[in-house]
Amino acid sequence: MTATGSAYRRGPFREGDRVQLTDPKGRMHTITLTPGKQFHTHRGHVKHDDLIGAPDGSTITNTAGTEYLVLRPLLSDYVMSMPRGAAVVYPKDAGQIVQMADVFPGATVVEAGVGSGALSMSLLRAVGDTGRVHSFERRADFAEIARANARAFFGEDHPAWTVSVGDLVEELPGAVEPGSVDRVVLDMLAPWECLEVVAEALAPGGVLICYVATATQLSKVAEAMRDFGSFTEPEAWESLVRGWHLEGLAVRPQHRMHGHTGFLITTRRLAPGVTPPMRKRRPGKGYAAQEGDETTTPAEVPPGTDDAEWTSEALGERVASEKKMRKLARGVVPPSPR
């Protein structure tokens, strides 16, 4: 049995393939091969017909004498250039999620916050055709763009993927059996609101991993995990990637780097009836102040206590306009049939 999408990852270039052209300065252009079409820049053009049938890893020279390296884009290349309505999970974070959550072939994974589908494709790669990724997205337009992006990359709808439009808290109990989920990945504004339904769905020992953008979100979800009482002590980290310049003896770090993109925090589901061991160190008294405490004035209530404060705009995220979403939806082109 051929794994989904593998036929599109090897062999000569064919009609409908996405290929990546890299010029001598390292600038990359991704095109979909279509008979009769041409790829134009301000310095000449390349005929698609000259690429169809060529082997992966070829070079081609345009009409102005500029030579391009031609390769199929890797998944990491694809997610950084695909149409997007929401910010994508960067490849460096997607790799951490798949590895640190131990997403394995055949696993049942629940994902909430599909966005543009970047993380979904990494999860589908990891679970394979025999696994299951059940994704939940509140916005129907985001879900549709994610489906189209995944379909364009894999060449068809992935058999392991189910996308549901709706709120995770409301939809998850009816979508999975209690204790049947191996891994849960939450990429959302307020993951602490979902802990009860996630705990019910996770199998004992199952992993919950959350991707959050700010330290305030990280702090709140960590304390919520501890207070819930059915999870192990959470662990949190971030990954920073810095490339290196390699040219002769000039070997040095690049001036630009992929710095902070988000925090990851992970915990595991305890067996029913088991409580976590007592922590040796407790959080400071300042965190314990709650709205219901009569001795606490409104000015002393910690920021973020009110769930209504947690919006994309408040966390500094760019929110795609309805006009942009309509343009993206029109621009999604399904792959040519094979």
Protein backbone atom coordinates (compact mmCIF):
# COMPACT_ATOMS: atom_id res chain seq x y z
CA MET A 1 0.00 0.00 0.00
CA THR A 2 1.37 3.42 -0.98
CA ALA A 3 1.28 6.01 1.81
CA THR A 4 -0.87 9.06 1.14
CA GLY A 5 1.09 11.74 -0.69
CA SER A 6 4.24 9.68 -1.22
CA ALA A 7 3.70 9.46 -4.97
CA TYR A 8 3.93 13.26 -5.10
CA ARG A 9 7.26 13.31 -3.27
CA ARG A 10 9.43 11.34 -5.71
CA GLY A 11 10.03 10.73 -9.42
CA PRO A 12 10.20 13.15 -12.36
CA PHE A 13 8.22 16.39 -12.25
CA ARG A 14 4.69 15.98 -13.53
CA GLU A 15 1.78 18.20 -14.43
CA GLY A 16 0.24 19.64 -11.29
CA ASP A 17 3.39 19.27 -9.17
CA ARG A 18 4.50 22.17 -7.01
CA VAL A 19 8.17 22.93 -7.60
CA GLN A 20 10.54 25.40 -6.01
CA LEU A 21 12.90 27.49 -8.14
CA THR A 22 15.91 29.01 -6.35
CA ASP A 23 17.97 31.71 -8.07
CA PRO A 24 21.71 32.39 -7.53
CA LYS A 25 20.91 34.85 -4.70
CA GLY A 26 18.88 32.24 -2.80
CA ARG A 27 15.49 33.73 -3.61
CA MET A 28 12.85 31.02 -3.88
CA HIS A 29 9.75 30.90 -6.08
CA THR A 30 7.12 28.17 -5.83
CA ILE A 31 5.06 27.35 -8.92
CA THR A 32 2.52 24.70 -9.93
CA LEU A 33 3.51 23.06 -13.21
CA THR A 34 0.88 23.65 -15.89
CA PRO A 35 1.38 22.77 -19.58
CA GLY A 36 1.71 25.85 -21.75
CA LYS A 37 2.36 28.29 -18.89
CA GLN A 38 5.48 30.33 -18.16
CA PHE A 39 7.14 31.59 -14.99
CA HIS A 40 8.15 35.23 -15.41
CA THR A 41 10.43 37.53 -13.43
CA HIS A 42 11.76 40.96 -14.39
CA ARG A 43 14.72 39.05 -15.86
CA GLY A 44 13.36 36.53 -18.31
CA HIS A 45 11.04 33.56 -18.08
CA VAL A 46 10.99 29.76 -17.81
CA LYS A 47 8.57 27.47 -19.64
CA HIS A 48 6.69 24.98 -17.47
CA ASP A 49 6.88 22.46 -20.33
CA ASP A 50 10.68 22.44 -19.99
CA LEU A 51 10.32 21.27 -16.38
CA ILE A 52 7.63 18.62 -16.82
CA GLY A 53 9.43 15.30 -17.07
CA ALA A 54 12.71 16.62 -15.62
CA PRO A 55 14.15 14.85 -12.54
CA ASP A 56 13.92 16.35 -9.07
CA GLY A 57 17.09 18.33 -8.32
CA SER A 58 17.51 19.71 -11.83
CA THR A 59 18.66 23.12 -12.99
CA ILE A 60 17.12 25.27 -15.70
CA THR A 61 18.23 28.51 -17.35
CA ASN A 62 15.71 31.21 -18.20
CA THR A 63 15.64 33.34 -21.33
CA ALA A 64 17.95 35.94 -19.73
CA GLY A 65 20.61 33.38 -18.79
CA THR A 66 19.74 33.12 -15.06
CA GLU A 67 20.13 29.57 -13.76
CA TYR A 68 17.65 28.17 -11.25
CA LEU A 69 17.88 25.12 -9.02
CA VAL A 70 14.59 23.18 -9.24
CA LEU A 71 13.39 20.97 -6.38
CA ARG A 72 10.14 19.80 -4.88
CA PRO A 73 9.51 21.95 -1.78
CA LEU A 74 9.90 20.23 1.57
CA LEU A 75 6.98 20.39 4.00
CA SER A 76 8.84 23.11 5.91
CA ASP A 77 9.16 25.13 2.69
CA TYR A 78 5.54 24.56 1.75
CA VAL A 79 4.01 25.73 5.03
CA MET A 80 5.97 28.98 4.93
CA SER A 81 4.70 29.85 1.43
CA MET A 82 1.18 28.40 1.34
CA PRO A 83 -1.99 30.57 1.53
CA ARG A 84 -2.78 31.45 5.12
CA GLY A 85 -5.57 33.16 6.98
CA ALA A 86 -4.06 32.62 10.42
CA ALA A 87 -0.47 32.60 11.65
CA VAL A 88 1.14 29.21 11.06
CA VAL A 89 2.97 27.03 13.57
CA TYR A 90 6.59 27.37 12.43
CA PRO A 91 8.40 24.20 11.35
CA LYS A 92 10.77 24.46 14.32
CA ASP A 93 7.79 24.31 16.69
CA ALA A 94 5.89 21.67 14.70
CA GLY A 95 8.95 19.42 14.92
CA GLN A 96 9.13 19.94 18.68
CA ILE A 97 5.43 19.14 19.04
CA VAL A 98 5.63 15.89 17.06
CA GLN A 99 8.76 14.77 18.92
CA MET A 100 8.04 15.91 22.47
CA ALA A 101 4.42 14.76 22.37
CA ASP A 102 5.65 11.42 21.00
CA VAL A 103 3.15 11.37 18.13
CA PHE A 104 3.51 7.85 16.70
CA PRO A 105 2.20 5.93 13.67
CA GLY A 106 -1.36 4.79 14.30
CA ALA A 107 -1.96 7.28 17.12
CA THR A 108 -5.26 9.05 17.71
CA VAL A 109 -4.57 12.78 17.98
CA VAL A 110 -6.95 15.64 18.74
CA GLU A 111 -5.93 19.10 17.54
CA ALA A 112 -7.71 22.35 18.36
CA GLY A 113 -6.94 25.47 16.46
CA VAL A 114 -6.37 24.34 12.88
CA GLY A 115 -5.42 27.77 11.58
CA SER A 116 -4.00 27.31 8.07
CA GLY A 117 -3.23 23.61 8.51
CA ALA A 118 0.57 23.78 8.99
CA LEU A 119 0.67 21.71 12.18
CA SER A 120 -2.09 19.40 10.92
CA MET A 121 0.12 18.27 8.04
CA SER A 122 3.00 17.43 10.39
CA LEU A 123 0.63 15.46 12.62
CA LEU A 124 -0.79 13.58 9.63
CA ARG A 125 2.73 12.72 8.49
CA ALA A 126 3.47 11.34 11.96
CA VAL A 127 0.33 9.21 12.49
CA GLY A 128 0.25 7.87 8.92
CA ASP A 129 -2.74 6.41 7.11
CA THR A 130 -3.53 4.05 10.01
CA GLY A 131 -3.79 6.82 12.61
CA ARG A 132 -6.38 9.49 13.20
CA VAL A 133 -6.10 13.26 13.50
CA HIS A 134 -9.36 14.90 14.55
CA SER A 135 -9.03 18.68 14.23
CA PHE A 136 -11.41 21.30 15.60
CA GLU A 137 -11.59 24.86 14.31
CA ARG A 138 -14.08 27.55 15.31
CA ARG A 139 -13.89 29.44 12.01
CA ALA A 140 -15.26 27.74 8.92
CA ASP A 141 -13.12 29.89 6.58
CA PHE A 142 -9.91 28.87 8.36
CA ALA A 143 -10.97 25.20 8.20
CA GLU A 144 -11.61 25.40 4.47
CA ILE A 145 -8.24 26.99 3.72
CA ALA A 146 -6.51 24.37 5.91
CA ARG A 147 -8.25 21.54 4.02
CA ALA A 148 -7.23 23.07 0.68
CA ASN A 149 -3.59 23.52 1.79
CA ALA A 150 -3.35 19.91 2.97
CA ARG A 151 -5.04 18.64 -0.19
CA ALA A 152 -2.57 20.56 -2.35
CA PHE A 153 0.40 19.14 -0.45
CA PHE A 154 -0.69 15.51 -0.19
CA GLY A 155 -2.35 15.51 -3.62
CA GLU A 156 -5.63 14.24 -2.16
CA ASP A 157 -7.70 14.36 1.03
CA HIS A 158 -5.76 12.54 3.74
CA PRO A 159 -7.75 9.51 4.96
CA ALA A 160 -6.61 9.98 8.57
CA TRP A 161 -7.92 13.55 8.87
CA THR A 162 -11.28 14.76 10.13
CA VAL A 163 -11.95 18.49 10.47
CA SER A 164 -14.88 19.67 12.58
CA VAL A 165 -16.03 23.28 12.68
CA GLY A 166 -17.04 24.20 16.20
CA ASP A 167 -15.84 24.71 19.75
CA LEU A 168 -13.69 21.91 21.20
CA VAL A 169 -15.46 21.97 24.56
CA GLU A 170 -18.83 21.43 22.90
CA GLU A 171 -17.80 19.06 20.09
CA LEU A 172 -15.14 16.77 21.57
CA PRO A 173 -17.32 14.70 23.94
CA GLY A 174 -19.55 13.62 21.05
CA ALA A 175 -16.66 12.98 18.66
CA VAL A 176 -14.47 10.56 20.64
CA GLU A 177 -14.95 7.89 23.27
CA PRO A 178 -13.70 8.70 26.79
CA GLY A 179 -10.12 7.56 27.30
CA SER A 180 -9.56 6.83 23.58
CA VAL A 181 -7.25 9.70 22.59
CA ASP A 182 -3.46 9.30 22.72
CA ARG A 183 -2.37 12.90 22.21
CA VAL A 184 -4.02 16.34 22.36
CA VAL A 185 -2.48 19.46 20.83
CA LEU A 186 -4.04 22.83 21.67
CA ASP A 187 -3.10 25.93 19.66
CA MET A 188 -5.64 28.41 20.96
CA LEU A 189 -6.11 31.55 23.02
CA ALA A 190 -7.38 29.97 26.24
CA PRO A 191 -6.40 26.27 26.48
CA TRP A 192 -7.21 26.21 30.21
CA GLU A 193 -10.90 26.32 29.30
CA CYS A 194 -10.61 22.87 27.68
CA LEU A 195 -8.86 20.87 30.40
CA GLU A 196 -11.98 19.05 31.60
CA VAL A 197 -13.01 17.65 28.21
CA VAL A 198 -9.38 16.93 27.31
CA ALA A 199 -8.86 14.98 30.53
CA GLU A 200 -12.00 12.96 29.80
CA ALA A 201 -10.86 12.12 26.26
CA LEU A 202 -7.21 11.29 27.01
CA ALA A 203 -6.10 7.75 27.79
CA PRO A 204 -4.05 7.29 30.99
CA GLY A 205 -0.50 8.36 30.17
CA GLY A 206 -1.70 10.38 27.18
CA VAL A 207 0.07 13.65 26.38
CA LEU A 208 -1.41 17.13 26.31
CA ILE A 209 0.76 19.80 24.67
CA CYS A 210 -0.25 23.45 24.31
CA TYR A 211 1.21 26.11 22.03
CA VAL A 212 0.76 29.64 23.39
CA ALA A 213 2.14 32.97 22.27
CA THR A 214 2.65 34.92 25.50
CA ALA A 215 4.08 34.41 28.97
CA THR A 216 0.73 35.38 30.52
CA GLN A 217 -1.00 32.54 28.69
CA LEU A 218 1.80 30.17 29.66
CA SER A 219 1.48 31.02 33.34
CA LYS A 220 -2.29 30.67 33.40
CA VAL A 221 -2.43 27.30 31.63
CA ALA A 222 0.39 25.93 33.82
CA GLU A 223 -1.48 26.80 37.03
CA ALA A 224 -4.74 25.47 35.60
CA MET A 225 -3.05 22.13 34.84
CA ARG A 226 -1.76 21.94 38.41
CA ASP A 227 -5.09 22.92 39.94
CA PHE A 228 -7.03 20.39 37.86
CA GLY A 229 -5.36 17.52 39.68
CA SER A 230 -5.44 14.91 36.90
CA PHE A 231 -2.18 15.83 35.16
CA THR A 232 1.51 15.50 35.87
CA GLU A 233 3.64 18.54 36.69
CA PRO A 234 3.78 20.60 33.45
CA GLU A 235 7.01 21.40 31.63
CA ALA A 236 7.49 24.44 29.41
CA TRP A 237 10.09 25.67 26.93
CA GLU A 238 10.66 27.58 23.71
CA SER A 239 13.00 26.91 20.79
CA LEU A 240 15.20 29.48 19.06
CA VAL A 241 16.84 28.70 15.72
CA ARG A 242 19.85 30.63 14.44
CA GLY A 243 21.32 29.85 11.04
CA TRP A 244 24.99 30.13 10.16
CA HIS A 245 26.71 31.84 7.25
CA LEU A 246 29.03 29.38 5.47
CA GLU A 247 31.38 30.85 2.88
CA GLY A 248 35.04 29.88 2.84
CA LEU A 249 36.63 30.99 6.11
CA ALA A 250 33.72 33.37 6.84
CA VAL A 251 31.84 30.95 9.10
CA ARG A 252 29.72 32.90 11.56
CA PRO A 253 26.15 33.17 12.89
CA GLN A 254 23.68 34.85 10.59
CA HIS A 255 22.51 38.31 11.61
CA ARG A 256 18.87 37.26 11.45
CA MET A 257 17.34 34.35 13.34
CA HIS A 258 14.00 32.70 14.08
CA GLY A 259 13.54 33.96 17.60
CA HIS A 260 10.46 33.68 19.78
CA THR A 261 7.41 32.31 18.01
CA GLY A 262 5.59 30.63 20.90
CA PHE A 263 5.88 28.65 24.11
CA LEU A 264 5.24 24.94 24.39
CA ILE A 265 3.93 23.38 27.60
CA THR A 266 3.30 19.67 28.06
CA THR A 267 1.78 17.39 30.68
CA ARG A 268 0.47 13.82 30.87
CA ARG A 269 -2.87 12.36 31.96
CA LEU A 270 -2.83 10.46 35.22
CA ALA A 271 -4.83 7.26 35.73
CA PRO A 272 -8.38 7.75 37.06
CA GLY A 273 -8.37 8.34 40.81
CA VAL A 274 -4.65 9.10 40.96
CA THR A 275 -3.51 12.46 42.29
CA PRO A 276 -0.12 13.97 41.48
CA PRO A 277 2.59 13.96 44.17
CA MET A 278 2.75 17.07 46.32
CA ARG A 279 4.85 19.81 44.80
CA LYS A 280 7.89 20.83 46.83
CA ARG A 281 7.65 24.45 45.79
CA ARG A 282 4.40 26.38 45.64
CA PRO A 283 3.61 29.51 43.59
CA GLY A 284 3.87 32.85 45.33
CA LYS A 285 0.93 34.32 47.24
CA GLY A 286 0.41 36.99 44.60
CA TYR A 287 -0.92 34.44 42.12
CA ALA A 288 -3.63 33.28 44.53
CA ALA A 289 -5.52 36.60 44.40
CA GLN A 290 -8.93 35.99 42.81
CA GLU A 291 -11.86 38.19 41.90
CA GLY A 292 -14.00 36.64 44.61
CA ASP A 293 -11.55 37.63 47.36
CA GLU A 294 -13.19 40.48 49.25
CA THR A 295 -9.80 41.78 50.39
CA THR A 296 -8.66 42.28 46.80
CA THR A 297 -9.53 45.55 45.08
CA PRO A 298 -10.15 45.58 41.31
CA ALA A 299 -6.79 47.27 40.81
CA GLU A 300 -5.04 44.33 42.50
CA VAL A 301 -6.66 41.61 40.38
CA PRO A 302 -3.90 40.01 38.29
CA PRO A 303 -4.07 40.75 34.54
CA GLY A 304 -5.70 37.95 32.59
CA THR A 305 -8.06 36.86 35.39
CA ASP A 306 -11.06 37.83 33.27
CA ASP A 307 -11.39 35.36 30.37
CA ALA A 308 -13.01 38.10 28.27
CA GLU A 309 -9.60 39.80 28.10
CA TRP A 310 -8.09 36.94 26.09
CA THR A 311 -8.50 37.98 22.46
CA SER A 312 -6.16 37.72 19.49
CA GLU A 313 -5.84 41.49 19.34
CA ALA A 314 -4.98 41.76 23.05
CA LEU A 315 -2.17 39.24 22.59
CA GLY A 316 -0.71 41.16 19.68
CA GLU A 317 -1.71 38.73 16.94
CA ARG A 318 -2.59 39.93 13.47
CA VAL A 319 -6.15 39.00 12.60
CA ALA A 320 -6.91 38.39 8.94
CA SER A 321 -9.65 40.62 7.52
CA GLU A 322 -12.76 39.17 5.90
CA LYS A 323 -11.58 40.65 2.57
CA LYS A 324 -8.27 38.77 2.80
CA MET A 325 -10.03 35.52 3.72
CA ARG A 326 -12.32 35.80 0.69
CA LYS A 327 -9.29 36.44 -1.55
CA LEU A 328 -7.47 33.42 -0.13
CA ALA A 329 -10.49 31.18 -0.60
CA ARG A 330 -10.74 32.23 -4.25
CA GLY A 331 -7.03 31.68 -4.82
CA VAL A 332 -6.89 28.08 -3.60
CA VAL A 333 -6.46 25.82 -6.64
CA PRO A 334 -7.08 22.06 -6.29
CA PRO A 335 -4.31 19.76 -7.62
CA SER A 336 -4.70 18.26 -11.07
CA PRO A 337 -5.99 14.66 -11.08
CA ARG A 338 -3.38 11.95 -11.62
